[in-house]
Amino acid sequence: MNTRAVWILMIGIVTVGLISPLHAQEASVSADSELVKWSIITAGFALAIAAAFGTLAQGLGLSAAANGIARNPSAAPDIRFSLILGLVLIESLVIYVLLVALILFFVQPFSG
């Protein structure tokens, strides 16, 4: 197959995948479903923001540690220990947000 045929096939698959939800049956709208919908949206945004800023903080910490080791190689073990401890704490915050998001997705504590 040439690349043009592959692209046409991929676009066709994506188009069918995007159009198929249009034929789904509408769910009944109630206050409970609105609350569930907004809790899922909120959990998604919280997870995205936590992941973005957690990644940014980890990158800045790694950059500062590499800079510190380059300036003073004899302090490398202390800098490495502080770096790993900081990365663990940053990652734990992101994992806590993931946990809260999963609770909002699957347990739905606000629904009656």
PDB file of N, CA and C in Angstrom:
ATOM      1  N   MET A   1       0.845  -1.191   0.000  1.00  0.00           N
ATOM      2  CA  MET A   1       0.000   0.000   0.000  1.00  0.00           C
ATOM      3  C   MET A   1       0.880   1.239   0.000  1.00  0.00           C
ATOM      4  N   ASN A   2       0.457   2.196  -0.734  1.00  0.00           N
ATOM      5  CA  ASN A   2       1.222   3.444  -0.712  1.00  0.00           C
ATOM      6  C   ASN A   2       0.750   4.328   0.438  1.00  0.00           C
ATOM      7  N   THR A   3       1.478   5.393   0.691  1.00  0.00           N
ATOM      8  CA  THR A   3       1.180   6.243   1.852  1.00  0.00           C
ATOM      9  C   THR A   3      -0.150   6.964   1.713  1.00  0.00           C
ATOM     10  N   ARG A   4      -0.532   7.269   0.487  1.00  0.00           N
ATOM     11  CA  ARG A   4      -1.815   7.952   0.293  1.00  0.00           C
ATOM     12  C   ARG A   4      -2.977   7.064   0.725  1.00  0.00           C
ATOM     13  N   ALA A   5      -2.913   5.802   0.375  1.00  0.00           N
ATOM     14  CA  ALA A   5      -3.972   4.868   0.751  1.00  0.00           C
ATOM     15  C   ALA A   5      -4.007   4.660   2.260  1.00  0.00           C
ATOM     16  N   VAL A   6      -2.835   4.638   2.885  1.00  0.00           N
ATOM     17  CA  VAL A   6      -2.781   4.488   4.342  1.00  0.00           C
ATOM     18  C   VAL A   6      -3.411   5.695   5.017  1.00  0.00           C
ATOM     19  N   TRP A   7      -3.107   6.881   4.535  1.00  0.00           N
ATOM     20  CA  TRP A   7      -3.699   8.094   5.125  1.00  0.00           C
ATOM     21  C   TRP A   7      -5.213   8.111   4.950  1.00  0.00           C
ATOM     22  N   ILE A   8      -5.685   7.720   3.774  1.00  0.00           N
ATOM     23  CA  ILE A   8      -7.132   7.696   3.537  1.00  0.00           C
ATOM     24  C   ILE A   8      -7.797   6.683   4.454  1.00  0.00           C
ATOM     25  N   LEU A   9      -7.173   5.529   4.634  1.00  0.00           N
ATOM     26  CA  LEU A   9      -7.708   4.519   5.532  1.00  0.00           C
ATOM     27  C   LEU A   9      -7.744   5.026   6.973  1.00  0.00           C
ATOM     28  N   MET A  10      -6.681   5.683   7.417  1.00  0.00           N
ATOM     29  CA  MET A  10      -6.637   6.211   8.786  1.00  0.00           C
ATOM     30  C   MET A  10      -7.688   7.288   8.995  1.00  0.00           C
ATOM     31  N   ILE A  11      -7.851   8.171   8.026  1.00  0.00           N
ATOM     32  CA  ILE A  11      -8.865   9.227   8.142  1.00  0.00           C
ATOM     33  C   ILE A  11     -10.266   8.613   8.165  1.00  0.00           C
ATOM     34  N   GLY A  12     -10.486   7.573   7.374  1.00  0.00           N
ATOM     35  CA  GLY A  12     -11.779   6.894   7.385  1.00  0.00           C
ATOM     36  C   GLY A  12     -12.079   6.256   8.728  1.00  0.00           C
ATOM     37  N   ILE A  13     -11.085   5.611   9.324  1.00  0.00           N
ATOM     38  CA  ILE A  13     -11.289   4.975  10.637  1.00  0.00           C
ATOM     39  C   ILE A  13     -11.581   6.021  11.706  1.00  0.00           C
ATOM     40  N   VAL A  14     -10.832   7.118  11.691  1.00  0.00           N
ATOM     41  CA  VAL A  14     -11.065   8.182  12.672  1.00  0.00           C
ATOM     42  C   VAL A  14     -12.448   8.801  12.474  1.00  0.00           C
ATOM     43  N   THR A  15     -12.847   9.003  11.231  1.00  0.00           N
ATOM     44  CA  THR A  15     -14.161   9.590  10.951  1.00  0.00           C
ATOM     45  C   THR A  15     -15.283   8.681  11.448  1.00  0.00           C
ATOM     46  N   VAL A  16     -15.177   7.397  11.168  1.00  0.00           N
ATOM     47  CA  VAL A  16     -16.196   6.453  11.644  1.00  0.00           C
ATOM     48  C   VAL A  16     -16.216   6.423  13.171  1.00  0.00           C
ATOM     49  N   GLY A  17     -15.047   6.476  13.790  1.00  0.00           N
ATOM     50  CA  GLY A  17     -14.977   6.474  15.251  1.00  0.00           C
ATOM     51  C   GLY A  17     -15.571   7.718  15.865  1.00  0.00           C
ATOM     52  N   LEU A  18     -15.440   8.858  15.195  1.00  0.00           N
ATOM     53  CA  LEU A  18     -15.998  10.092  15.733  1.00  0.00           C
ATOM     54  C   LEU A  18     -17.487  10.241  15.457  1.00  0.00           C
ATOM     55  N   ILE A  19     -17.980   9.628  14.397  1.00  0.00           N
ATOM     56  CA  ILE A  19     -19.394   9.759  14.046  1.00  0.00           C
ATOM     57  C   ILE A  19     -20.254   8.758  14.805  1.00  0.00           C
ATOM     58  N   SER A  20     -19.715   7.604  15.168  1.00  0.00           N
ATOM     59  CA  SER A  20     -20.530   6.560  15.787  1.00  0.00           C
ATOM     60  C   SER A  20     -21.208   6.982  17.093  1.00  0.00           C
ATOM     61  N   PRO A  21     -20.641   7.834  17.944  1.00  0.00           N
ATOM     62  CA  PRO A  21     -21.390   8.237  19.143  1.00  0.00           C
ATOM     63  C   PRO A  21     -22.645   9.058  18.837  1.00  0.00           C
ATOM     64  N   LEU A  22     -22.756   9.615  17.639  1.00  0.00           N
ATOM     65  CA  LEU A  22     -23.942  10.390  17.295  1.00  0.00           C
ATOM     66  C   LEU A  22     -25.190   9.525  17.246  1.00  0.00           C
ATOM     67  N   HIS A  23     -25.014   8.240  17.015  1.00  0.00           N
ATOM     68  CA  HIS A  23     -26.156   7.346  16.898  1.00  0.00           C
ATOM     69  C   HIS A  23     -26.493   6.653  18.212  1.00  0.00           C
ATOM     70  N   ALA A  24     -25.819   7.016  19.268  1.00  0.00           N
ATOM     71  CA  ALA A  24     -26.077   6.395  20.569  1.00  0.00           C
ATOM     72  C   ALA A  24     -27.363   6.963  21.163  1.00  0.00           C
ATOM     73  N   GLN A  25     -27.990   6.189  22.020  1.00  0.00           N
ATOM     74  CA  GLN A  25     -29.221   6.616  22.662  1.00  0.00           C
ATOM     75  C   GLN A  25     -28.894   7.638  23.736  1.00  0.00           C
ATOM     76  N   GLU A  26     -29.694   8.687  23.815  1.00  0.00           N
ATOM     77  CA  GLU A  26     -29.470   9.703  24.829  1.00  0.00           C
ATOM     78  C   GLU A  26     -29.901   9.194  26.189  1.00  0.00           C
ATOM     79  N   ALA A  27     -29.092   9.518  27.188  1.00  0.00           N
ATOM     80  CA  ALA A  27     -29.439   9.144  28.550  1.00  0.00           C
ATOM     81  C   ALA A  27     -30.393  10.191  29.115  1.00  0.00           C
ATOM     82  N   SER A  28     -31.180   9.775  30.088  1.00  0.00           N
ATOM     83  CA  SER A  28     -32.073  10.738  30.719  1.00  0.00           C
ATOM     84  C   SER A  28     -31.239  11.716  31.542  1.00  0.00           C
ATOM     85  N   VAL A  29     -31.576  12.977  31.453  1.00  0.00           N
ATOM     86  CA  VAL A  29     -30.827  14.015  32.147  1.00  0.00           C
ATOM     87  C   VAL A  29     -31.483  14.270  33.491  1.00  0.00           C
ATOM     88  N   SER A  30     -30.709  14.134  34.540  1.00  0.00           N
ATOM     89  CA  SER A  30     -31.212  14.428  35.873  1.00  0.00           C
ATOM     90  C   SER A  30     -30.140  15.209  36.620  1.00  0.00           C
ATOM     91  N   ALA A  31     -30.490  15.657  37.801  1.00  0.00           N
ATOM     92  CA  ALA A  31     -29.527  16.411  38.603  1.00  0.00           C
ATOM     93  C   ALA A  31     -28.363  15.526  39.009  1.00  0.00           C
ATOM     94  N   ASP A  32     -28.650  14.240  39.238  1.00  0.00           N
ATOM     95  CA  ASP A  32     -27.594  13.317  39.634  1.00  0.00           C
ATOM     96  C   ASP A  32     -26.584  13.119  38.512  1.00  0.00           C
ATOM     97  N   SER A  33     -27.073  12.988  37.256  1.00  0.00           N
ATOM     98  CA  SER A  33     -26.146  12.804  36.142  1.00  0.00           C
ATOM     99  C   SER A  33     -25.338  14.068  35.886  1.00  0.00           C
ATOM    100  N   GLU A  34     -25.924  15.234  36.136  1.00  0.00           N
ATOM    101  CA  GLU A  34     -25.179  16.486  35.999  1.00  0.00           C
ATOM    102  C   GLU A  34     -24.051  16.561  37.024  1.00  0.00           C
ATOM    103  N   LEU A  35     -24.345  16.125  38.247  1.00  0.00           N
ATOM    104  CA  LEU A  35     -23.325  16.139  39.287  1.00  0.00           C
ATOM    105  C   LEU A  35     -22.198  15.171  38.975  1.00  0.00           C
ATOM    106  N   VAL A  36     -22.545  14.001  38.468  1.00  0.00           N
ATOM    107  CA  VAL A  36     -21.531  13.015  38.094  1.00  0.00           C
ATOM    108  C   VAL A  36     -20.691  13.550  36.937  1.00  0.00           C
ATOM    109  N   LYS A  37     -21.349  14.167  35.968  1.00  0.00           N
ATOM    110  CA  LYS A  37     -20.626  14.718  34.823  1.00  0.00           C
ATOM    111  C   LYS A  37     -19.634  15.788  35.271  1.00  0.00           C
ATOM    112  N   TRP A  38     -20.070  16.692  36.140  1.00  0.00           N
ATOM    113  CA  TRP A  38     -19.177  17.759  36.570  1.00  0.00           C
ATOM    114  C   TRP A  38     -18.071  17.246  37.489  1.00  0.00           C
ATOM    115  N   SER A  39     -18.341  16.200  38.268  1.00  0.00           N
ATOM    116  CA  SER A  39     -17.271  15.651  39.102  1.00  0.00           C
ATOM    117  C   SER A  39     -16.215  14.973  38.238  1.00  0.00           C
ATOM    118  N   ILE A  40     -16.615  14.337  37.147  1.00  0.00           N
ATOM    119  CA  ILE A  40     -15.651  13.717  36.242  1.00  0.00           C
ATOM    120  C   ILE A  40     -14.840  14.781  35.515  1.00  0.00           C
ATOM    121  N   ILE A  41     -15.485  15.851  35.078  1.00  0.00           N
ATOM    122  CA  ILE A  41     -14.766  16.939  34.414  1.00  0.00           C
ATOM    123  C   ILE A  41     -13.773  17.587  35.371  1.00  0.00           C
ATOM    124  N   THR A  42     -14.201  17.826  36.599  1.00  0.00           N
ATOM    125  CA  THR A  42     -13.323  18.428  37.593  1.00  0.00           C
ATOM    126  C   THR A  42     -12.135  17.524  37.896  1.00  0.00           C
ATOM    127  N   ALA A  43     -12.376  16.227  38.030  1.00  0.00           N
ATOM    128  CA  ALA A  43     -11.287  15.291  38.298  1.00  0.00           C
ATOM    129  C   ALA A  43     -10.304  15.264  37.135  1.00  0.00           C
ATOM    130  N   GLY A  44     -10.799  15.317  35.922  1.00  0.00           N
ATOM    131  CA  GLY A  44      -9.919  15.332  34.756  1.00  0.00           C
ATOM    132  C   GLY A  44      -9.045  16.564  34.710  1.00  0.00           C
ATOM    133  N   PHE A  45      -9.643  17.730  34.976  1.00  0.00           N
ATOM    134  CA  PHE A  45      -8.845  18.955  34.985  1.00  0.00           C
ATOM    135  C   PHE A  45      -7.841  18.966  36.130  1.00  0.00           C
ATOM    136  N   ALA A  46      -8.240  18.477  37.292  1.00  0.00           N
ATOM    137  CA  ALA A  46      -7.312  18.427  38.427  1.00  0.00           C
ATOM    138  C   ALA A  46      -6.130  17.532  38.124  1.00  0.00           C
ATOM    139  N   LEU A  47      -6.388  16.405  37.496  1.00  0.00           N
ATOM    140  CA  LEU A  47      -5.310  15.486  37.151  1.00  0.00           C
ATOM    141  C   LEU A  47      -4.393  16.097  36.100  1.00  0.00           C
ATOM    142  N   ALA A  48      -4.956  16.768  35.128  1.00  0.00           N
ATOM    143  CA  ALA A  48      -4.133  17.396  34.088  1.00  0.00           C
ATOM    144  C   ALA A  48      -3.257  18.501  34.668  1.00  0.00           C
ATOM    145  N   ILE A  49      -3.825  19.315  35.534  1.00  0.00           N
ATOM    146  CA  ILE A  49      -3.053  20.409  36.136  1.00  0.00           C
ATOM    147  C   ILE A  49      -1.967  19.858  37.051  1.00  0.00           C
ATOM    148  N   ALA A  50      -2.296  18.854  37.848  1.00  0.00           N
ATOM    149  CA  ALA A  50      -1.295  18.266  38.750  1.00  0.00           C
ATOM    150  C   ALA A  50      -0.168  17.620  37.968  1.00  0.00           C
ATOM    151  N   ALA A  51      -0.504  16.921  36.901  1.00  0.00           N
ATOM    152  CA  ALA A  51       0.539  16.276  36.101  1.00  0.00           C
ATOM    153  C   ALA A  51       1.418  17.318  35.414  1.00  0.00           C
ATOM    154  N   ALA A  52       0.809  18.380  34.903  1.00  0.00           N
ATOM    155  CA  ALA A  52       1.589  19.404  34.205  1.00  0.00           C
ATOM    156  C   ALA A  52       2.551  20.107  35.154  1.00  0.00           C
ATOM    157  N   PHE A  53       2.049  20.565  36.290  1.00  0.00           N
ATOM    158  CA  PHE A  53       2.925  21.285  37.200  1.00  0.00           C
ATOM    159  C   PHE A  53       3.885  20.358  37.944  1.00  0.00           C
ATOM    160  N   GLY A  54       3.485  19.110  38.172  1.00  0.00           N
ATOM    161  CA  GLY A  54       4.411  18.144  38.762  1.00  0.00           C
ATOM    162  C   GLY A  54       5.584  17.871  37.836  1.00  0.00           C
ATOM    163  N   THR A  55       5.289  17.730  36.552  1.00  0.00           N
ATOM    164  CA  THR A  55       6.346  17.524  35.569  1.00  0.00           C
ATOM    165  C   THR A  55       7.251  18.740  35.481  1.00  0.00           C
ATOM    166  N   LEU A  56       6.671  19.920  35.511  1.00  0.00           N
ATOM    167  CA  LEU A  56       7.469  21.144  35.474  1.00  0.00           C
ATOM    168  C   LEU A  56       8.378  21.236  36.697  1.00  0.00           C
ATOM    169  N   ALA A  57       7.860  20.922  37.868  1.00  0.00           N
ATOM    170  CA  ALA A  57       8.669  20.980  39.089  1.00  0.00           C
ATOM    171  C   ALA A  57       9.780  19.943  39.068  1.00  0.00           C
ATOM    172  N   GLN A  58       9.474  18.747  38.560  1.00  0.00           N
ATOM    173  CA  GLN A  58      10.511  17.719  38.482  1.00  0.00           C
ATOM    174  C   GLN A  58      11.612  18.124  37.501  1.00  0.00           C
ATOM    175  N   GLY A  59      11.250  18.715  36.398  1.00  0.00           N
ATOM    176  CA  GLY A  59      12.242  19.172  35.428  1.00  0.00           C
ATOM    177  C   GLY A  59      13.132  20.267  35.998  1.00  0.00           C
ATOM    178  N   LEU A  60      12.519  21.207  36.705  1.00  0.00           N
ATOM    179  CA  LEU A  60      13.316  22.277  37.320  1.00  0.00           C
ATOM    180  C   LEU A  60      14.233  21.727  38.406  1.00  0.00           C
ATOM    181  N   GLY A  61      13.745  20.778  39.192  1.00  0.00           N
ATOM    182  CA  GLY A  61      14.578  20.178  40.234  1.00  0.00           C
ATOM    183  C   GLY A  61      15.747  19.407  39.655  1.00  0.00           C
ATOM    184  N   LEU A  62      15.490  18.653  38.596  1.00  0.00           N
ATOM    185  CA  LEU A  62      16.563  17.905  37.946  1.00  0.00           C
ATOM    186  C   LEU A  62      17.591  18.839  37.331  1.00  0.00           C
ATOM    187  N   SER A  63      17.121  19.919  36.740  1.00  0.00           N
ATOM    188  CA  SER A  63      18.033  20.907  36.157  1.00  0.00           C
ATOM    189  C   SER A  63      18.911  21.546  37.225  1.00  0.00           C
ATOM    190  N   ALA A  64      18.305  21.916  38.342  1.00  0.00           N
ATOM    191  CA  ALA A  64      19.082  22.532  39.426  1.00  0.00           C
ATOM    192  C   ALA A  64      20.072  21.542  40.026  1.00  0.00           C
ATOM    193  N   ALA A  65      19.682  20.281  40.144  1.00  0.00           N
ATOM    194  CA  ALA A  65      20.603  19.276  40.691  1.00  0.00           C
ATOM    195  C   ALA A  65      21.774  19.038  39.746  1.00  0.00           C
ATOM    196  N   ALA A  66      21.501  18.953  38.459  1.00  0.00           N
ATOM    197  CA  ALA A  66      22.591  18.775  37.495  1.00  0.00           C
ATOM    198  C   ALA A  66      23.534  19.970  37.500  1.00  0.00           C
ATOM    199  N   ASN A  67      22.974  21.155  37.624  1.00  0.00           N
ATOM    200  CA  ASN A  67      23.791  22.366  37.692  1.00  0.00           C
ATOM    201  C   ASN A  67      24.644  22.371  38.969  1.00  0.00           C
ATOM    202  N   GLY A  68      24.043  21.959  40.081  1.00  0.00           N
ATOM    203  CA  GLY A  68      24.784  21.916  41.340  1.00  0.00           C
ATOM    204  C   GLY A  68      25.903  20.887  41.329  1.00  0.00           C
ATOM    205  N   ILE A  69      25.647  19.714  40.736  1.00  0.00           N
ATOM    206  CA  ILE A  69      26.691  18.693  40.646  1.00  0.00           C
ATOM    207  C   ILE A  69      27.798  19.146  39.703  1.00  0.00           C
ATOM    208  N   ALA A  70      27.444  19.850  38.626  1.00  0.00           N
ATOM    209  CA  ALA A  70      28.459  20.348  37.706  1.00  0.00           C
ATOM    210  C   ALA A  70      29.338  21.408  38.367  1.00  0.00           C
ATOM    211  N   ARG A  71      28.764  22.217  39.246  1.00  0.00           N
ATOM    212  CA  ARG A  71      29.551  23.261  39.920  1.00  0.00           C
ATOM    213  C   ARG A  71      30.418  22.695  41.043  1.00  0.00           C
ATOM    214  N   ASN A  72      29.898  21.674  41.749  1.00  0.00           N
ATOM    215  CA  ASN A  72      30.626  21.124  42.886  1.00  0.00           C
ATOM    216  C   ASN A  72      30.485  19.602  42.875  1.00  0.00           C
ATOM    217  N   PRO A  73      31.344  18.910  42.127  1.00  0.00           N
ATOM    218  CA  PRO A  73      31.208  17.453  42.021  1.00  0.00           C
ATOM    219  C   PRO A  73      31.397  16.717  43.343  1.00  0.00           C
ATOM    220  N   SER A  74      32.084  17.297  44.281  1.00  0.00           N
ATOM    221  CA  SER A  74      32.294  16.607  45.559  1.00  0.00           C
ATOM    222  C   SER A  74      31.007  16.548  46.392  1.00  0.00           C
ATOM    223  N   ALA A  75      30.044  17.399  46.092  1.00  0.00           N
ATOM    224  CA  ALA A  75      28.775  17.413  46.827  1.00  0.00           C
ATOM    225  C   ALA A  75      27.714  16.566  46.128  1.00  0.00           C
ATOM    226  N   ALA A  76      28.116  15.755  45.151  1.00  0.00           N
ATOM    227  CA  ALA A  76      27.153  14.981  44.353  1.00  0.00           C
ATOM    228  C   ALA A  76      26.284  14.048  45.190  1.00  0.00           C
ATOM    229  N   PRO A  77      26.822  13.310  46.177  1.00  0.00           N
ATOM    230  CA  PRO A  77      25.931  12.413  46.945  1.00  0.00           C
ATOM    231  C   PRO A  77      24.838  13.155  47.712  1.00  0.00           C
ATOM    232  N   ASP A  78      25.191  14.278  48.320  1.00  0.00           N
ATOM    233  CA  ASP A  78      24.184  15.054  49.056  1.00  0.00           C
ATOM    234  C   ASP A  78      23.140  15.642  48.113  1.00  0.00           C
ATOM    235  N   ILE A  79      23.598  16.156  46.982  1.00  0.00           N
ATOM    236  CA  ILE A  79      22.661  16.735  46.009  1.00  0.00           C
ATOM    237  C   ILE A  79      21.762  15.646  45.446  1.00  0.00           C
ATOM    238  N   ARG A  80      22.326  14.482  45.150  1.00  0.00           N
ATOM    239  CA  ARG A  80      21.547  13.377  44.600  1.00  0.00           C
ATOM    240  C   ARG A  80      20.476  12.920  45.597  1.00  0.00           C
ATOM    241  N   PHE A  81      20.839  12.831  46.874  1.00  0.00           N
ATOM    242  CA  PHE A  81      19.860  12.435  47.899  1.00  0.00           C
ATOM    243  C   PHE A  81      18.725  13.449  47.982  1.00  0.00           C
ATOM    244  N   SER A  82      19.059  14.732  47.997  1.00  0.00           N
ATOM    245  CA  SER A  82      18.021  15.776  48.055  1.00  0.00           C
ATOM    246  C   SER A  82      17.151  15.747  46.803  1.00  0.00           C
ATOM    247  N   LEU A  83      17.765  15.494  45.657  1.00  0.00           N
ATOM    248  CA  LEU A  83      17.012  15.434  44.406  1.00  0.00           C
ATOM    249  C   LEU A  83      16.020  14.282  44.433  1.00  0.00           C
ATOM    250  N   ILE A  84      16.470  13.104  44.823  1.00  0.00           N
ATOM    251  CA  ILE A  84      15.575  11.937  44.833  1.00  0.00           C
ATOM    252  C   ILE A  84      14.450  12.128  45.841  1.00  0.00           C
ATOM    253  N   LEU A  85      14.762  12.684  47.012  1.00  0.00           N
ATOM    254  CA  LEU A  85      13.725  12.946  48.009  1.00  0.00           C
ATOM    255  C   LEU A  85      12.703  13.947  47.479  1.00  0.00           C
ATOM    256  N   GLY A  86      13.160  15.003  46.845  1.00  0.00           N
ATOM    257  CA  GLY A  86      12.247  15.989  46.273  1.00  0.00           C
ATOM    258  C   GLY A  86      11.386  15.416  45.163  1.00  0.00           C
ATOM    259  N   LEU A  87      11.996  14.597  44.286  1.00  0.00           N
ATOM    260  CA  LEU A  87      11.223  13.987  43.204  1.00  0.00           C
ATOM    261  C   LEU A  87      10.165  13.033  43.750  1.00  0.00           C
ATOM    262  N   VAL A  88      10.511  12.304  44.792  1.00  0.00           N
ATOM    263  CA  VAL A  88       9.533  11.387  45.407  1.00  0.00           C
ATOM    264  C   VAL A  88       8.363  12.170  45.990  1.00  0.00           C
ATOM    265  N   LEU A  89       8.643  13.269  46.667  1.00  0.00           N
ATOM    266  CA  LEU A  89       7.561  14.057  47.262  1.00  0.00           C
ATOM    267  C   LEU A  89       6.680  14.704  46.193  1.00  0.00           C
ATOM    268  N   ILE A  90       7.284  15.192  45.120  1.00  0.00           N
ATOM    269  CA  ILE A  90       6.500  15.778  44.033  1.00  0.00           C
ATOM    270  C   ILE A  90       5.621  14.713  43.386  1.00  0.00           C
ATOM    271  N   GLU A  91       6.199  13.548  43.135  1.00  0.00           N
ATOM    272  CA  GLU A  91       5.440  12.478  42.490  1.00  0.00           C
ATOM    273  C   GLU A  91       4.315  11.975  43.395  1.00  0.00           C
ATOM    274  N   SER A  92       4.543  11.979  44.703  1.00  0.00           N
ATOM    275  CA  SER A  92       3.480  11.535  45.603  1.00  0.00           C
ATOM    276  C   SER A  92       2.278  12.478  45.558  1.00  0.00           C
ATOM    277  N   LEU A  93       2.519  13.764  45.386  1.00  0.00           N
ATOM    278  CA  LEU A  93       1.395  14.700  45.258  1.00  0.00           C
ATOM    279  C   LEU A  93       0.583  14.411  44.006  1.00  0.00           C
ATOM    280  N   VAL A  94       1.260  14.113  42.907  1.00  0.00           N
ATOM    281  CA  VAL A  94       0.549  13.795  41.670  1.00  0.00           C
ATOM    282  C   VAL A  94      -0.221  12.480  41.825  1.00  0.00           C
ATOM    283  N   ILE A  95       0.354  11.523  42.537  1.00  0.00           N
ATOM    284  CA  ILE A  95      -0.340  10.249  42.762  1.00  0.00           C
ATOM    285  C   ILE A  95      -1.568  10.456  43.652  1.00  0.00           C
ATOM    286  N   TYR A  96      -1.494  11.357  44.627  1.00  0.00           N
ATOM    287  CA  TYR A  96      -2.666  11.661  45.451  1.00  0.00           C
ATOM    288  C   TYR A  96      -3.785  12.255  44.598  1.00  0.00           C
ATOM    289  N   VAL A  97      -3.445  13.132  43.671  1.00  0.00           N
ATOM    290  CA  VAL A  97      -4.472  13.696  42.787  1.00  0.00           C
ATOM    291  C   VAL A  97      -5.049  12.606  41.894  1.00  0.00           C
ATOM    292  N   LEU A  98      -4.198  11.679  41.426  1.00  0.00           N
ATOM    293  CA  LEU A  98      -4.706  10.556  40.645  1.00  0.00           C
ATOM    294  C   LEU A  98      -5.679   9.727  41.463  1.00  0.00           C
ATOM    295  N   LEU A  99      -5.368   9.494  42.715  1.00  0.00           N
ATOM    296  CA  LEU A  99      -6.251   8.731  43.595  1.00  0.00           C
ATOM    297  C   LEU A  99      -7.602   9.424  43.760  1.00  0.00           C
ATOM    298  N   VAL A 100      -7.582  10.718  43.991  1.00  0.00           N
ATOM    299  CA  VAL A 100      -8.829  11.473  44.127  1.00  0.00           C
ATOM    300  C   VAL A 100      -9.616  11.442  42.813  1.00  0.00           C
ATOM    301  N   ALA A 101      -8.916  11.569  41.685  1.00  0.00           N
ATOM    302  CA  ALA A 101      -9.599  11.527  40.391  1.00  0.00           C
ATOM    303  C   ALA A 101     -10.232  10.162  40.162  1.00  0.00           C
ATOM    304  N   LEU A 102      -9.542   9.089  40.513  1.00  0.00           N
ATOM    305  CA  LEU A 102     -10.119   7.757  40.345  1.00  0.00           C
ATOM    306  C   LEU A 102     -11.327   7.552  41.253  1.00  0.00           C
ATOM    307  N   ILE A 103     -11.275   8.118  42.457  1.00  0.00           N
ATOM    308  CA  ILE A 103     -12.441   8.039  43.345  1.00  0.00           C
ATOM    309  C   ILE A 103     -13.622   8.776  42.726  1.00  0.00           C
ATOM    310  N   LEU A 104     -13.366   9.953  42.159  1.00  0.00           N
ATOM    311  CA  LEU A 104     -14.458  10.704  41.535  1.00  0.00           C
ATOM    312  C   LEU A 104     -14.972  10.006  40.279  1.00  0.00           C
ATOM    313  N   PHE A 105     -14.078   9.328  39.541  1.00  0.00           N
ATOM    314  CA  PHE A 105     -14.511   8.625  38.336  1.00  0.00           C
ATOM    315  C   PHE A 105     -15.369   7.415  38.656  1.00  0.00           C
ATOM    316  N   PHE A 106     -14.910   6.572  39.581  1.00  0.00           N
ATOM    317  CA  PHE A 106     -15.525   5.266  39.748  1.00  0.00           C
ATOM    318  C   PHE A 106     -16.441   5.148  40.964  1.00  0.00           C
ATOM    319  N   VAL A 107     -16.098   5.774  42.081  1.00  0.00           N
ATOM    320  CA  VAL A 107     -16.912   5.651  43.286  1.00  0.00           C
ATOM    321  C   VAL A 107     -18.057   6.648  43.267  1.00  0.00           C
ATOM    322  N   GLN A 108     -17.818   7.829  42.747  1.00  0.00           N
ATOM    323  CA  GLN A 108     -18.788   8.909  42.663  1.00  0.00           C
ATOM    324  C   GLN A 108     -19.412   9.201  44.026  1.00  0.00           C
ATOM    325  N   PRO A 109     -18.625   9.775  44.948  1.00  0.00           N
ATOM    326  CA  PRO A 109     -19.101   9.943  46.318  1.00  0.00           C
ATOM    327  C   PRO A 109     -20.234  10.954  46.450  1.00  0.00           C
ATOM    328  N   PHE A 110     -20.448  11.804  45.471  1.00  0.00           N
ATOM    329  CA  PHE A 110     -21.481  12.829  45.598  1.00  0.00           C
ATOM    330  C   PHE A 110     -22.819  12.367  45.072  1.00  0.00           C
ATOM    331  N   SER A 111     -22.865  11.212  44.422  1.00  0.00           N
ATOM    332  CA  SER A 111     -24.156  10.745  43.911  1.00  0.00           C
ATOM    333  C   SER A 111     -24.909  10.041  45.031  1.00  0.00           C
ATOM    334  N   GLY A 112     -26.194  10.114  44.992  1.00  0.00           N
ATOM    335  CA  GLY A 112     -27.019   9.602  46.073  1.00  0.00           C
ATOM    336  C   GLY A 112     -27.248   8.177  46.070  1.00  0.00           C
TER     337      GLY A 112
END
